[in-house]
Amino acid sequence: LDDSALTRYPHEFSGGQRQRINIARA
C-alpha cells in the first residue's frame, strides 16, 4: 500500500486491504 492510506479510515478499504493494514501493524 502507499502513504495515501495514512489519512484514511478502515471503512474506505476493501477486506484484503484491511488485512494488509493489520499485517503492517503486526
mmCIF file of all heavy atoms, coordinates in Angstrom:
data_MODEL
# 
_entry.id   MODEL 
# 
loop_
_atom_site.group_PDB 
_atom_site.id 
_atom_site.type_symbol 
_atom_site.label_atom_id 
_atom_site.label_alt_id 
_atom_site.label_comp_id 
_atom_site.label_asym_id 
_atom_site.label_entity_id 
_atom_site.label_seq_id 
_atom_site.pdbx_PDB_ins_code 
_atom_site.Cartn_x 
_atom_site.Cartn_y 
_atom_site.Cartn_z 
_atom_site.occupancy 
_atom_site.B_iso_or_equiv 
_atom_site.pdbx_formal_charge 
_atom_site.auth_seq_id 
_atom_site.auth_comp_id 
_atom_site.auth_asym_id 
_atom_site.auth_atom_id 
_atom_site.pdbx_PDB_model_num 
ATOM 1   N N   . LEU A 1 1  ? 0.853   -1.193  0.000  1.00 0.00 ? 1  LEU A N   1 
ATOM 2   C CA  . LEU A 1 1  ? 0.000   0.000   0.000  1.00 0.00 ? 1  LEU A CA  1 
ATOM 3   C C   . LEU A 1 1  ? 0.888   1.241   0.000  1.00 0.00 ? 1  LEU A C   1 
ATOM 4   O O   . LEU A 1 1  ? 2.065   1.178   0.356  1.00 0.00 ? 1  LEU A O   1 
ATOM 5   C CB  . LEU A 1 1  ? -0.913  0.017   1.233  1.00 0.00 ? 1  LEU A CB  1 
ATOM 6   C CG  . LEU A 1 1  ? -1.909  -1.145  1.358  1.00 0.00 ? 1  LEU A CG  1 
ATOM 7   C CD1 . LEU A 1 1  ? -2.624  -1.091  2.700  1.00 0.00 ? 1  LEU A CD1 1 
ATOM 8   C CD2 . LEU A 1 1  ? -2.929  -1.122  0.221  1.00 0.00 ? 1  LEU A CD2 1 
ATOM 9   N N   . ASP A 1 2  ? 0.320   2.395   -0.401 1.00 0.00 ? 2  ASP A N   1 
ATOM 10  C CA  . ASP A 1 2  ? 1.138   3.615   -0.402 1.00 0.00 ? 2  ASP A CA  1 
ATOM 11  C C   . ASP A 1 2  ? 0.683   4.562   0.698  1.00 0.00 ? 2  ASP A C   1 
ATOM 12  O O   . ASP A 1 2  ? -0.326  4.330   1.377  1.00 0.00 ? 2  ASP A O   1 
ATOM 13  C CB  . ASP A 1 2  ? 1.125   4.301   -1.775 1.00 0.00 ? 2  ASP A CB  1 
ATOM 14  C CG  . ASP A 1 2  ? -0.269  4.731   -2.208 1.00 0.00 ? 2  ASP A CG  1 
ATOM 15  O OD1 . ASP A 1 2  ? -0.956  5.402   -1.408 1.00 0.00 ? 2  ASP A OD1 1 
ATOM 16  O OD2 . ASP A 1 2  ? -0.681  4.400   -3.345 1.00 0.00 ? 2  ASP A OD2 1 
ATOM 17  N N   . ASP A 1 3  ? 1.412   5.650   0.868  1.00 0.00 ? 3  ASP A N   1 
ATOM 18  C CA  . ASP A 1 3  ? 1.160   6.528   2.011  1.00 0.00 ? 3  ASP A CA  1 
ATOM 19  C C   . ASP A 1 3  ? -0.119  7.339   1.901  1.00 0.00 ? 3  ASP A C   1 
ATOM 20  O O   . ASP A 1 3  ? -0.509  8.013   2.857  1.00 0.00 ? 3  ASP A O   1 
ATOM 21  C CB  . ASP A 1 3  ? 2.353   7.445   2.277  1.00 0.00 ? 3  ASP A CB  1 
ATOM 22  C CG  . ASP A 1 3  ? 2.666   8.375   1.116  1.00 0.00 ? 3  ASP A CG  1 
ATOM 23  O OD1 . ASP A 1 3  ? 1.958   8.313   0.086  1.00 0.00 ? 3  ASP A OD1 1 
ATOM 24  O OD2 . ASP A 1 3  ? 3.615   9.170   1.230  1.00 0.00 ? 3  ASP A OD2 1 
ATOM 25  N N   . SER A 1 4  ? -0.804  7.261   0.765  1.00 0.00 ? 4  SER A N   1 
ATOM 26  C CA  . SER A 1 4  ? -2.110  7.929   0.676  1.00 0.00 ? 4  SER A CA  1 
ATOM 27  C C   . SER A 1 4  ? -3.120  7.298   1.625  1.00 0.00 ? 4  SER A C   1 
ATOM 28  O O   . SER A 1 4  ? -4.150  7.908   1.950  1.00 0.00 ? 4  SER A O   1 
ATOM 29  C CB  . SER A 1 4  ? -2.639  7.879   -0.758 1.00 0.00 ? 4  SER A CB  1 
ATOM 30  O OG  . SER A 1 4  ? -2.920  6.536   -1.148 1.00 0.00 ? 4  SER A OG  1 
ATOM 31  N N   . ALA A 1 5  ? -2.830  6.076   2.083  1.00 0.00 ? 5  ALA A N   1 
ATOM 32  C CA  . ALA A 1 5  ? -3.731  5.389   3.010  1.00 0.00 ? 5  ALA A CA  1 
ATOM 33  C C   . ALA A 1 5  ? -3.670  5.958   4.419  1.00 0.00 ? 5  ALA A C   1 
ATOM 34  O O   . ALA A 1 5  ? -4.585  5.745   5.215  1.00 0.00 ? 5  ALA A O   1 
ATOM 35  C CB  . ALA A 1 5  ? -3.397  3.897   3.055  1.00 0.00 ? 5  ALA A CB  1 
ATOM 36  N N   . LEU A 1 6  ? -2.607  6.681   4.744  1.00 0.00 ? 6  LEU A N   1 
ATOM 37  C CA  . LEU A 1 6  ? -2.370  7.072   6.135  1.00 0.00 ? 6  LEU A CA  1 
ATOM 38  C C   . LEU A 1 6  ? -3.480  7.934   6.727  1.00 0.00 ? 6  LEU A C   1 
ATOM 39  O O   . LEU A 1 6  ? -3.793  7.823   7.913  1.00 0.00 ? 6  LEU A O   1 
ATOM 40  C CB  . LEU A 1 6  ? -1.032  7.820   6.248  1.00 0.00 ? 6  LEU A CB  1 
ATOM 41  C CG  . LEU A 1 6  ? 0.218   6.969   6.043  1.00 0.00 ? 6  LEU A CG  1 
ATOM 42  C CD1 . LEU A 1 6  ? 1.460   7.856   6.022  1.00 0.00 ? 6  LEU A CD1 1 
ATOM 43  C CD2 . LEU A 1 6  ? 0.332   5.915   7.141  1.00 0.00 ? 6  LEU A CD2 1 
ATOM 44  N N   . THR A 1 7  ? -4.091  8.789   5.920  1.00 0.00 ? 7  THR A N   1 
ATOM 45  C CA  . THR A 1 7  ? -5.103  9.716   6.444  1.00 0.00 ? 7  THR A CA  1 
ATOM 46  C C   . THR A 1 7  ? -6.520  9.177   6.320  1.00 0.00 ? 7  THR A C   1 
ATOM 47  O O   . THR A 1 7  ? -7.476  9.866   6.682  1.00 0.00 ? 7  THR A O   1 
ATOM 48  C CB  . THR A 1 7  ? -5.013  11.063  5.700  1.00 0.00 ? 7  THR A CB  1 
ATOM 49  O OG1 . THR A 1 7  ? -5.197  10.836  4.293  1.00 0.00 ? 7  THR A OG1 1 
ATOM 50  C CG2 . THR A 1 7  ? -3.662  11.722  5.938  1.00 0.00 ? 7  THR A CG2 1 
ATOM 51  N N   . ARG A 1 8  ? -6.660  7.961   5.825  1.00 0.00 ? 8  ARG A N   1 
ATOM 52  C CA  . ARG A 1 8  ? -7.992  7.398   5.593  1.00 0.00 ? 8  ARG A CA  1 
ATOM 53  C C   . ARG A 1 8  ? -8.410  6.492   6.749  1.00 0.00 ? 8  ARG A C   1 
ATOM 54  O O   . ARG A 1 8  ? -7.606  6.098   7.594  1.00 0.00 ? 8  ARG A O   1 
ATOM 55  C CB  . ARG A 1 8  ? -7.998  6.638   4.265  1.00 0.00 ? 8  ARG A CB  1 
ATOM 56  C CG  . ARG A 1 8  ? -7.728  7.544   3.070  1.00 0.00 ? 8  ARG A CG  1 
ATOM 57  C CD  . ARG A 1 8  ? -7.294  6.765   1.849  1.00 0.00 ? 8  ARG A CD  1 
ATOM 58  N NE  . ARG A 1 8  ? -8.341  5.878   1.361  1.00 0.00 ? 8  ARG A NE  1 
ATOM 59  C CZ  . ARG A 1 8  ? -8.145  4.979   0.400  1.00 0.00 ? 8  ARG A CZ  1 
ATOM 60  N NH1 . ARG A 1 8  ? -6.943  4.849   -0.154 1.00 0.00 ? 8  ARG A NH1 1 
ATOM 61  N NH2 . ARG A 1 8  ? -9.144  4.208   -0.005 1.00 0.00 ? 8  ARG A NH2 1 
ATOM 62  N N   . TYR A 1 9  ? -9.715  6.140   6.751  1.00 0.00 ? 9  TYR A N   1 
ATOM 63  C CA  . TYR A 1 9  ? -10.285 5.301   7.797  1.00 0.00 ? 9  TYR A CA  1 
ATOM 64  C C   . TYR A 1 9  ? -10.528 3.881   7.266  1.00 0.00 ? 9  TYR A C   1 
ATOM 65  O O   . TYR A 1 9  ? -10.647 3.680   6.043  1.00 0.00 ? 9  TYR A O   1 
ATOM 66  C CB  . TYR A 1 9  ? -11.609 5.900   8.289  1.00 0.00 ? 9  TYR A CB  1 
ATOM 67  C CG  . TYR A 1 9  ? -11.443 7.175   9.085  1.00 0.00 ? 9  TYR A CG  1 
ATOM 68  C CD1 . TYR A 1 9  ? -11.508 8.431   8.452  1.00 0.00 ? 9  TYR A CD1 1 
ATOM 69  C CD2 . TYR A 1 9  ? -11.223 7.136   10.462 1.00 0.00 ? 9  TYR A CD2 1 
ATOM 70  C CE1 . TYR A 1 9  ? -11.357 9.604   9.174  1.00 0.00 ? 9  TYR A CE1 1 
ATOM 71  C CE2 . TYR A 1 9  ? -11.075 8.306   11.189 1.00 0.00 ? 9  TYR A CE2 1 
ATOM 72  C CZ  . TYR A 1 9  ? -11.135 9.537   10.550 1.00 0.00 ? 9  TYR A CZ  1 
ATOM 73  O OH  . TYR A 1 9  ? -10.980 10.689  11.269 1.00 0.00 ? 9  TYR A OH  1 
ATOM 74  N N   . PRO A 1 10 ? -10.623 2.890   8.161  1.00 0.00 ? 10 PRO A N   1 
ATOM 75  C CA  . PRO A 1 10 ? -10.774 1.496   7.725  1.00 0.00 ? 10 PRO A CA  1 
ATOM 76  C C   . PRO A 1 10 ? -11.924 1.239   6.761  1.00 0.00 ? 10 PRO A C   1 
ATOM 77  O O   . PRO A 1 10 ? -11.793 0.419   5.850  1.00 0.00 ? 10 PRO A O   1 
ATOM 78  C CB  . PRO A 1 10 ? -10.969 0.743   9.046  1.00 0.00 ? 10 PRO A CB  1 
ATOM 79  C CG  . PRO A 1 10 ? -10.205 1.543   10.041 1.00 0.00 ? 10 PRO A CG  1 
ATOM 80  C CD  . PRO A 1 10 ? -10.422 2.979   9.620  1.00 0.00 ? 10 PRO A CD  1 
ATOM 81  N N   . HIS A 1 11 ? -13.063 1.943   6.941  1.00 0.00 ? 11 HIS A N   1 
ATOM 82  C CA  . HIS A 1 11 ? -14.219 1.656   6.095  1.00 0.00 ? 11 HIS A CA  1 
ATOM 83  C C   . HIS A 1 11 ? -13.981 2.025   4.628  1.00 0.00 ? 11 HIS A C   1 
ATOM 84  O O   . HIS A 1 11 ? -14.747 1.622   3.751  1.00 0.00 ? 11 HIS A O   1 
ATOM 85  C CB  . HIS A 1 11 ? -15.466 2.388   6.626  1.00 0.00 ? 11 HIS A CB  1 
ATOM 86  C CG  . HIS A 1 11 ? -15.443 3.873   6.383  1.00 0.00 ? 11 HIS A CG  1 
ATOM 87  N ND1 . HIS A 1 11 ? -14.957 4.763   7.313  1.00 0.00 ? 11 HIS A ND1 1 
ATOM 88  C CD2 . HIS A 1 11 ? -15.852 4.606   5.317  1.00 0.00 ? 11 HIS A CD2 1 
ATOM 89  C CE1 . HIS A 1 11 ? -15.065 5.998   6.825  1.00 0.00 ? 11 HIS A CE1 1 
ATOM 90  N NE2 . HIS A 1 11 ? -15.606 5.928   5.622  1.00 0.00 ? 11 HIS A NE2 1 
ATOM 91  N N   . GLU A 1 12 ? -12.914 2.765   4.357  1.00 0.00 ? 12 GLU A N   1 
ATOM 92  C CA  . GLU A 1 12 ? -12.616 3.178   2.993  1.00 0.00 ? 12 GLU A CA  1 
ATOM 93  C C   . GLU A 1 12 ? -11.815 2.118   2.215  1.00 0.00 ? 12 GLU A C   1 
ATOM 94  O O   . GLU A 1 12 ? -11.497 2.334   1.047  1.00 0.00 ? 12 GLU A O   1 
ATOM 95  C CB  . GLU A 1 12 ? -11.840 4.498   3.011  1.00 0.00 ? 12 GLU A CB  1 
ATOM 96  C CG  . GLU A 1 12 ? -12.593 5.653   3.658  1.00 0.00 ? 12 GLU A CG  1 
ATOM 97  C CD  . GLU A 1 12 ? -11.775 6.921   3.700  1.00 0.00 ? 12 GLU A CD  1 
ATOM 98  O OE1 . GLU A 1 12 ? -11.456 7.453   2.606  1.00 0.00 ? 12 GLU A OE1 1 
ATOM 99  O OE2 . GLU A 1 12 ? -11.424 7.375   4.802  1.00 0.00 ? 12 GLU A OE2 1 
ATOM 100 N N   . PHE A 1 13 ? -11.538 0.987   2.865  1.00 0.00 ? 13 PHE A N   1 
ATOM 101 C CA  . PHE A 1 13 ? -10.700 -0.038  2.244  1.00 0.00 ? 13 PHE A CA  1 
ATOM 102 C C   . PHE A 1 13 ? -11.470 -1.339  2.066  1.00 0.00 ? 13 PHE A C   1 
ATOM 103 O O   . PHE A 1 13 ? -12.418 -1.632  2.790  1.00 0.00 ? 13 PHE A O   1 
ATOM 104 C CB  . PHE A 1 13 ? -9.461  -0.305  3.101  1.00 0.00 ? 13 PHE A CB  1 
ATOM 105 C CG  . PHE A 1 13 ? -8.547  0.885   3.237  1.00 0.00 ? 13 PHE A CG  1 
ATOM 106 C CD1 . PHE A 1 13 ? -8.713  1.776   4.284  1.00 0.00 ? 13 PHE A CD1 1 
ATOM 107 C CD2 . PHE A 1 13 ? -7.549  1.123   2.309  1.00 0.00 ? 13 PHE A CD2 1 
ATOM 108 C CE1 . PHE A 1 13 ? -7.887  2.871   4.420  1.00 0.00 ? 13 PHE A CE1 1 
ATOM 109 C CE2 . PHE A 1 13 ? -6.715  2.211   2.429  1.00 0.00 ? 13 PHE A CE2 1 
ATOM 110 C CZ  . PHE A 1 13 ? -6.878  3.096   3.483  1.00 0.00 ? 13 PHE A CZ  1 
ATOM 111 N N   . SER A 1 14 ? -11.011 -2.136  1.111  1.00 0.00 ? 14 SER A N   1 
ATOM 112 C CA  . SER A 1 14 ? -11.580 -3.466  0.905  1.00 0.00 ? 14 SER A CA  1 
ATOM 113 C C   . SER A 1 14 ? -11.088 -4.413  1.998  1.00 0.00 ? 14 SER A C   1 
ATOM 114 O O   . SER A 1 14 ? -10.176 -4.087  2.768  1.00 0.00 ? 14 SER A O   1 
ATOM 115 C CB  . SER A 1 14 ? -11.144 -4.009  -0.455 1.00 0.00 ? 14 SER A CB  1 
ATOM 116 O OG  . SER A 1 14 ? -9.744  -4.252  -0.461 1.00 0.00 ? 14 SER A OG  1 
ATOM 117 N N   . GLY A 1 15 ? -11.666 -5.608  2.047  1.00 0.00 ? 15 GLY A N   1 
ATOM 118 C CA  . GLY A 1 15 ? -11.261 -6.587  3.043  1.00 0.00 ? 15 GLY A CA  1 
ATOM 119 C C   . GLY A 1 15 ? -9.795  -6.957  2.930  1.00 0.00 ? 15 GLY A C   1 
ATOM 120 O O   . GLY A 1 15 ? -9.077  -7.053  3.931  1.00 0.00 ? 15 GLY A O   1 
ATOM 121 N N   . GLY A 1 16 ? -9.319  -7.172  1.708  1.00 0.00 ? 16 GLY A N   1 
ATOM 122 C CA  . GLY A 1 16 ? -7.923  -7.521  1.516  1.00 0.00 ? 16 GLY A CA  1 
ATOM 123 C C   . GLY A 1 16 ? -6.991  -6.397  1.931  1.00 0.00 ? 16 GLY A C   1 
ATOM 124 O O   . GLY A 1 16 ? -5.931  -6.637  2.526  1.00 0.00 ? 16 GLY A O   1 
ATOM 125 N N   . GLN A 1 17 ? -7.361  -5.154  1.624  1.00 0.00 ? 17 GLN A N   1 
ATOM 126 C CA  . GLN A 1 17 ? -6.551  -4.012  2.035  1.00 0.00 ? 17 GLN A CA  1 
ATOM 127 C C   . GLN A 1 17 ? -6.525  -3.870  3.555  1.00 0.00 ? 17 GLN A C   1 
ATOM 128 O O   . GLN A 1 17 ? -5.484  -3.553  4.142  1.00 0.00 ? 17 GLN A O   1 
ATOM 129 C CB  . GLN A 1 17 ? -7.092  -2.738  1.392  1.00 0.00 ? 17 GLN A CB  1 
ATOM 130 C CG  . GLN A 1 17 ? -6.860  -2.662  -0.107 1.00 0.00 ? 17 GLN A CG  1 
ATOM 131 C CD  . GLN A 1 17 ? -7.584  -1.499  -0.740 1.00 0.00 ? 17 GLN A CD  1 
ATOM 132 O OE1 . GLN A 1 17 ? -8.704  -1.124  -0.332 1.00 0.00 ? 17 GLN A OE1 1 
ATOM 133 N NE2 . GLN A 1 17 ? -6.960  -0.903  -1.744 1.00 0.00 ? 17 GLN A NE2 1 
ATOM 134 N N   . ARG A 1 18 ? -7.661  -4.123  4.186  1.00 0.00 ? 18 ARG A N   1 
ATOM 135 C CA  . ARG A 1 18 ? -7.691  -4.048  5.656  1.00 0.00 ? 18 ARG A CA  1 
ATOM 136 C C   . ARG A 1 18 ? -6.783  -5.099  6.272  1.00 0.00 ? 18 ARG A C   1 
ATOM 137 O O   . ARG A 1 18 ? -6.106  -4.834  7.273  1.00 0.00 ? 18 ARG A O   1 
ATOM 138 C CB  . ARG A 1 18 ? -9.124  -4.247  6.157  1.00 0.00 ? 18 ARG A CB  1 
ATOM 139 C CG  . ARG A 1 18 ? -10.065 -3.127  5.798  1.00 0.00 ? 18 ARG A CG  1 
ATOM 140 C CD  . ARG A 1 18 ? -11.409 -3.314  6.463  1.00 0.00 ? 18 ARG A CD  1 
ATOM 141 N NE  . ARG A 1 18 ? -12.467 -2.646  5.713  1.00 0.00 ? 18 ARG A NE  1 
ATOM 142 C CZ  . ARG A 1 18 ? -13.672 -2.387  6.184  1.00 0.00 ? 18 ARG A CZ  1 
ATOM 143 N NH1 . ARG A 1 18 ? -13.988 -2.770  7.408  1.00 0.00 ? 18 ARG A NH1 1 
ATOM 144 N NH2 . ARG A 1 18 ? -14.570 -1.784  5.446  1.00 0.00 ? 18 ARG A NH2 1 
ATOM 145 N N   . GLN A 1 19 ? -6.770  -6.290  5.690  1.00 0.00 ? 19 GLN A N   1 
ATOM 146 C CA  . GLN A 1 19 ? -5.889  -7.309  6.248  1.00 0.00 ? 19 GLN A CA  1 
ATOM 147 C C   . GLN A 1 19 ? -4.424  -6.926  6.041  1.00 0.00 ? 19 GLN A C   1 
ATOM 148 O O   . GLN A 1 19 ? -3.581  -7.222  6.896  1.00 0.00 ? 19 GLN A O   1 
ATOM 149 C CB  . GLN A 1 19 ? -6.194  -8.682  5.646  1.00 0.00 ? 19 GLN A CB  1 
ATOM 150 C CG  . GLN A 1 19 ? -5.652  -9.854  6.444  1.00 0.00 ? 19 GLN A CG  1 
ATOM 151 C CD  . GLN A 1 19 ? -6.201  -9.947  7.846  1.00 0.00 ? 19 GLN A CD  1 
ATOM 152 O OE1 . GLN A 1 19 ? -6.003  -9.061  8.684  1.00 0.00 ? 19 GLN A OE1 1 
ATOM 153 N NE2 . GLN A 1 19 ? -6.891  -11.045 8.128  1.00 0.00 ? 19 GLN A NE2 1 
ATOM 154 N N   . ARG A 1 20 ? -4.109  -6.266  4.957  1.00 0.00 ? 20 ARG A N   1 
ATOM 155 C CA  . ARG A 1 20 ? -2.749  -5.763  4.754  1.00 0.00 ? 20 ARG A CA  1 
ATOM 156 C C   . ARG A 1 20 ? -2.393  -4.725  5.824  1.00 0.00 ? 20 ARG A C   1 
ATOM 157 O O   . ARG A 1 20 ? -1.256  -4.683  6.308  1.00 0.00 ? 20 ARG A O   1 
ATOM 158 C CB  . ARG A 1 20 ? -2.604  -5.165  3.354  1.00 0.00 ? 20 ARG A CB  1 
ATOM 159 C CG  . ARG A 1 20 ? -2.591  -6.215  2.244  1.00 0.00 ? 20 ARG A CG  1 
ATOM 160 C CD  . ARG A 1 20 ? -2.644  -5.580  0.868  1.00 0.00 ? 20 ARG A CD  1 
ATOM 161 N NE  . ARG A 1 20 ? -2.761  -6.591  -0.168 1.00 0.00 ? 20 ARG A NE  1 
ATOM 162 C CZ  . ARG A 1 20 ? -1.734  -7.095  -0.858 1.00 0.00 ? 20 ARG A CZ  1 
ATOM 163 N NH1 . ARG A 1 20 ? -0.506  -6.654  -0.620 1.00 0.00 ? 20 ARG A NH1 1 
ATOM 164 N NH2 . ARG A 1 20 ? -1.920  -8.016  -1.782 1.00 0.00 ? 20 ARG A NH2 1 
ATOM 165 N N   . ILE A 1 21 ? -3.358  -3.896  6.179  1.00 0.00 ? 21 ILE A N   1 
ATOM 166 C CA  . ILE A 1 21 ? -3.128  -2.918  7.246  1.00 0.00 ? 21 ILE A CA  1 
ATOM 167 C C   . ILE A 1 21 ? -2.905  -3.627  8.584  1.00 0.00 ? 21 ILE A C   1 
ATOM 168 O O   . ILE A 1 21 ? -2.033  -3.249  9.373  1.00 0.00 ? 21 ILE A O   1 
ATOM 169 C CB  . ILE A 1 21 ? -4.316  -1.930  7.326  1.00 0.00 ? 21 ILE A CB  1 
ATOM 170 C CG1 . ILE A 1 21 ? -4.374  -1.073  6.058  1.00 0.00 ? 21 ILE A CG1 1 
ATOM 171 C CG2 . ILE A 1 21 ? -4.199  -1.039  8.569  1.00 0.00 ? 21 ILE A CG2 1 
ATOM 172 C CD1 . ILE A 1 21 ? -5.663  -0.303  5.880  1.00 0.00 ? 21 ILE A CD1 1 
ATOM 173 N N   . ASN A 1 22 ? -3.682  -4.683  8.838  1.00 0.00 ? 22 ASN A N   1 
ATOM 174 C CA  . ASN A 1 22 ? -3.469  -5.484  10.046 1.00 0.00 ? 22 ASN A CA  1 
ATOM 175 C C   . ASN A 1 22 ? -2.061  -6.061  10.082 1.00 0.00 ? 22 ASN A C   1 
ATOM 176 O O   . ASN A 1 22 ? -1.404  -6.074  11.135 1.00 0.00 ? 22 ASN A O   1 
ATOM 177 C CB  . ASN A 1 22 ? -4.481  -6.641  10.099 1.00 0.00 ? 22 ASN A CB  1 
ATOM 178 C CG  . ASN A 1 22 ? -5.836  -6.204  10.598 1.00 0.00 ? 22 ASN A CG  1 
ATOM 179 O OD1 . ASN A 1 22 ? -5.933  -5.378  11.484 1.00 0.00 ? 22 ASN A OD1 1 
ATOM 180 N ND2 . ASN A 1 22 ? -6.880  -6.762  10.027 1.00 0.00 ? 22 ASN A ND2 1 
ATOM 181 N N   . ILE A 1 23 ? -1.602  -6.562  8.946  1.00 0.00 ? 23 ILE A N   1 
ATOM 182 C CA  . ILE A 1 23 ? -0.257  -7.141  8.877  1.00 0.00 ? 23 ILE A CA  1 
ATOM 183 C C   . ILE A 1 23 ? 0.793   -6.058  9.096  1.00 0.00 ? 23 ILE A C   1 
ATOM 184 O O   . ILE A 1 23 ? 1.790   -6.277  9.802  1.00 0.00 ? 23 ILE A O   1 
ATOM 185 C CB  . ILE A 1 23 ? -0.060  -7.857  7.532  1.00 0.00 ? 23 ILE A CB  1 
ATOM 186 C CG1 . ILE A 1 23 ? -0.989  -9.076  7.446  1.00 0.00 ? 23 ILE A CG1 1 
ATOM 187 C CG2 . ILE A 1 23 ? 1.395   -8.289  7.356  1.00 0.00 ? 23 ILE A CG2 1 
ATOM 188 C CD1 . ILE A 1 23 ? -1.084  -9.682  6.050  1.00 0.00 ? 23 ILE A CD1 1 
ATOM 189 N N   . ALA A 1 24 ? 0.583   -4.875  8.511  1.00 0.00 ? 24 ALA A N   1 
ATOM 190 C CA  . ALA A 1 24 ? 1.519   -3.765  8.718  1.00 0.00 ? 24 ALA A CA  1 
ATOM 191 C C   . ALA A 1 24 ? 1.624   -3.411  10.193 1.00 0.00 ? 24 ALA A C   1 
ATOM 192 O O   . ALA A 1 24 ? 2.728   -3.181  10.716 1.00 0.00 ? 24 ALA A O   1 
ATOM 193 C CB  . ALA A 1 24 ? 1.071   -2.550  7.904  1.00 0.00 ? 24 ALA A CB  1 
ATOM 194 N N   . ARG A 1 25 ? 0.492   -3.362  10.869 1.00 0.00 ? 25 ARG A N   1 
ATOM 195 C CA  . ARG A 1 25 ? 0.508   -3.069  12.315 1.00 0.00 ? 25 ARG A CA  1 
ATOM 196 C C   . ARG A 1 25 ? 1.274   -4.150  13.075 1.00 0.00 ? 25 ARG A C   1 
ATOM 197 O O   . ARG A 1 25 ? 2.047   -3.852  13.989 1.00 0.00 ? 25 ARG A O   1 
ATOM 198 C CB  . ARG A 1 25 ? -0.918  -2.968  12.848 1.00 0.00 ? 25 ARG A CB  1 
ATOM 199 C CG  . ARG A 1 25 ? -0.994  -2.749  14.359 1.00 0.00 ? 25 ARG A CG  1 
ATOM 200 C CD  . ARG A 1 25 ? -2.407  -2.510  14.819 1.00 0.00 ? 25 ARG A CD  1 
ATOM 201 N NE  . ARG A 1 25 ? -3.290  -3.623  14.480 1.00 0.00 ? 25 ARG A NE  1 
ATOM 202 C CZ  . ARG A 1 25 ? -4.607  -3.609  14.667 1.00 0.00 ? 25 ARG A CZ  1 
ATOM 203 N NH1 . ARG A 1 25 ? -5.189  -2.541  15.187 1.00 0.00 ? 25 ARG A NH1 1 
ATOM 204 N NH2 . ARG A 1 25 ? -5.346  -4.653  14.338 1.00 0.00 ? 25 ARG A NH2 1 
ATOM 205 N N   . ALA A 1 26 ? 1.062   -5.415  12.694 1.00 0.00 ? 26 ALA A N   1 
ATOM 206 C CA  . ALA A 1 26 ? 1.752   -6.513  13.362 1.00 0.00 ? 26 ALA A CA  1 
ATOM 207 C C   . ALA A 1 26 ? 3.270   -6.435  13.165 1.00 0.00 ? 26 ALA A C   1 
ATOM 208 O O   . ALA A 1 26 ? 4.037   -6.869  14.033 1.00 0.00 ? 26 ALA A O   1 
ATOM 209 C CB  . ALA A 1 26 ? 1.228   -7.850  12.854 1.00 0.00 ? 26 ALA A CB  1 
# 
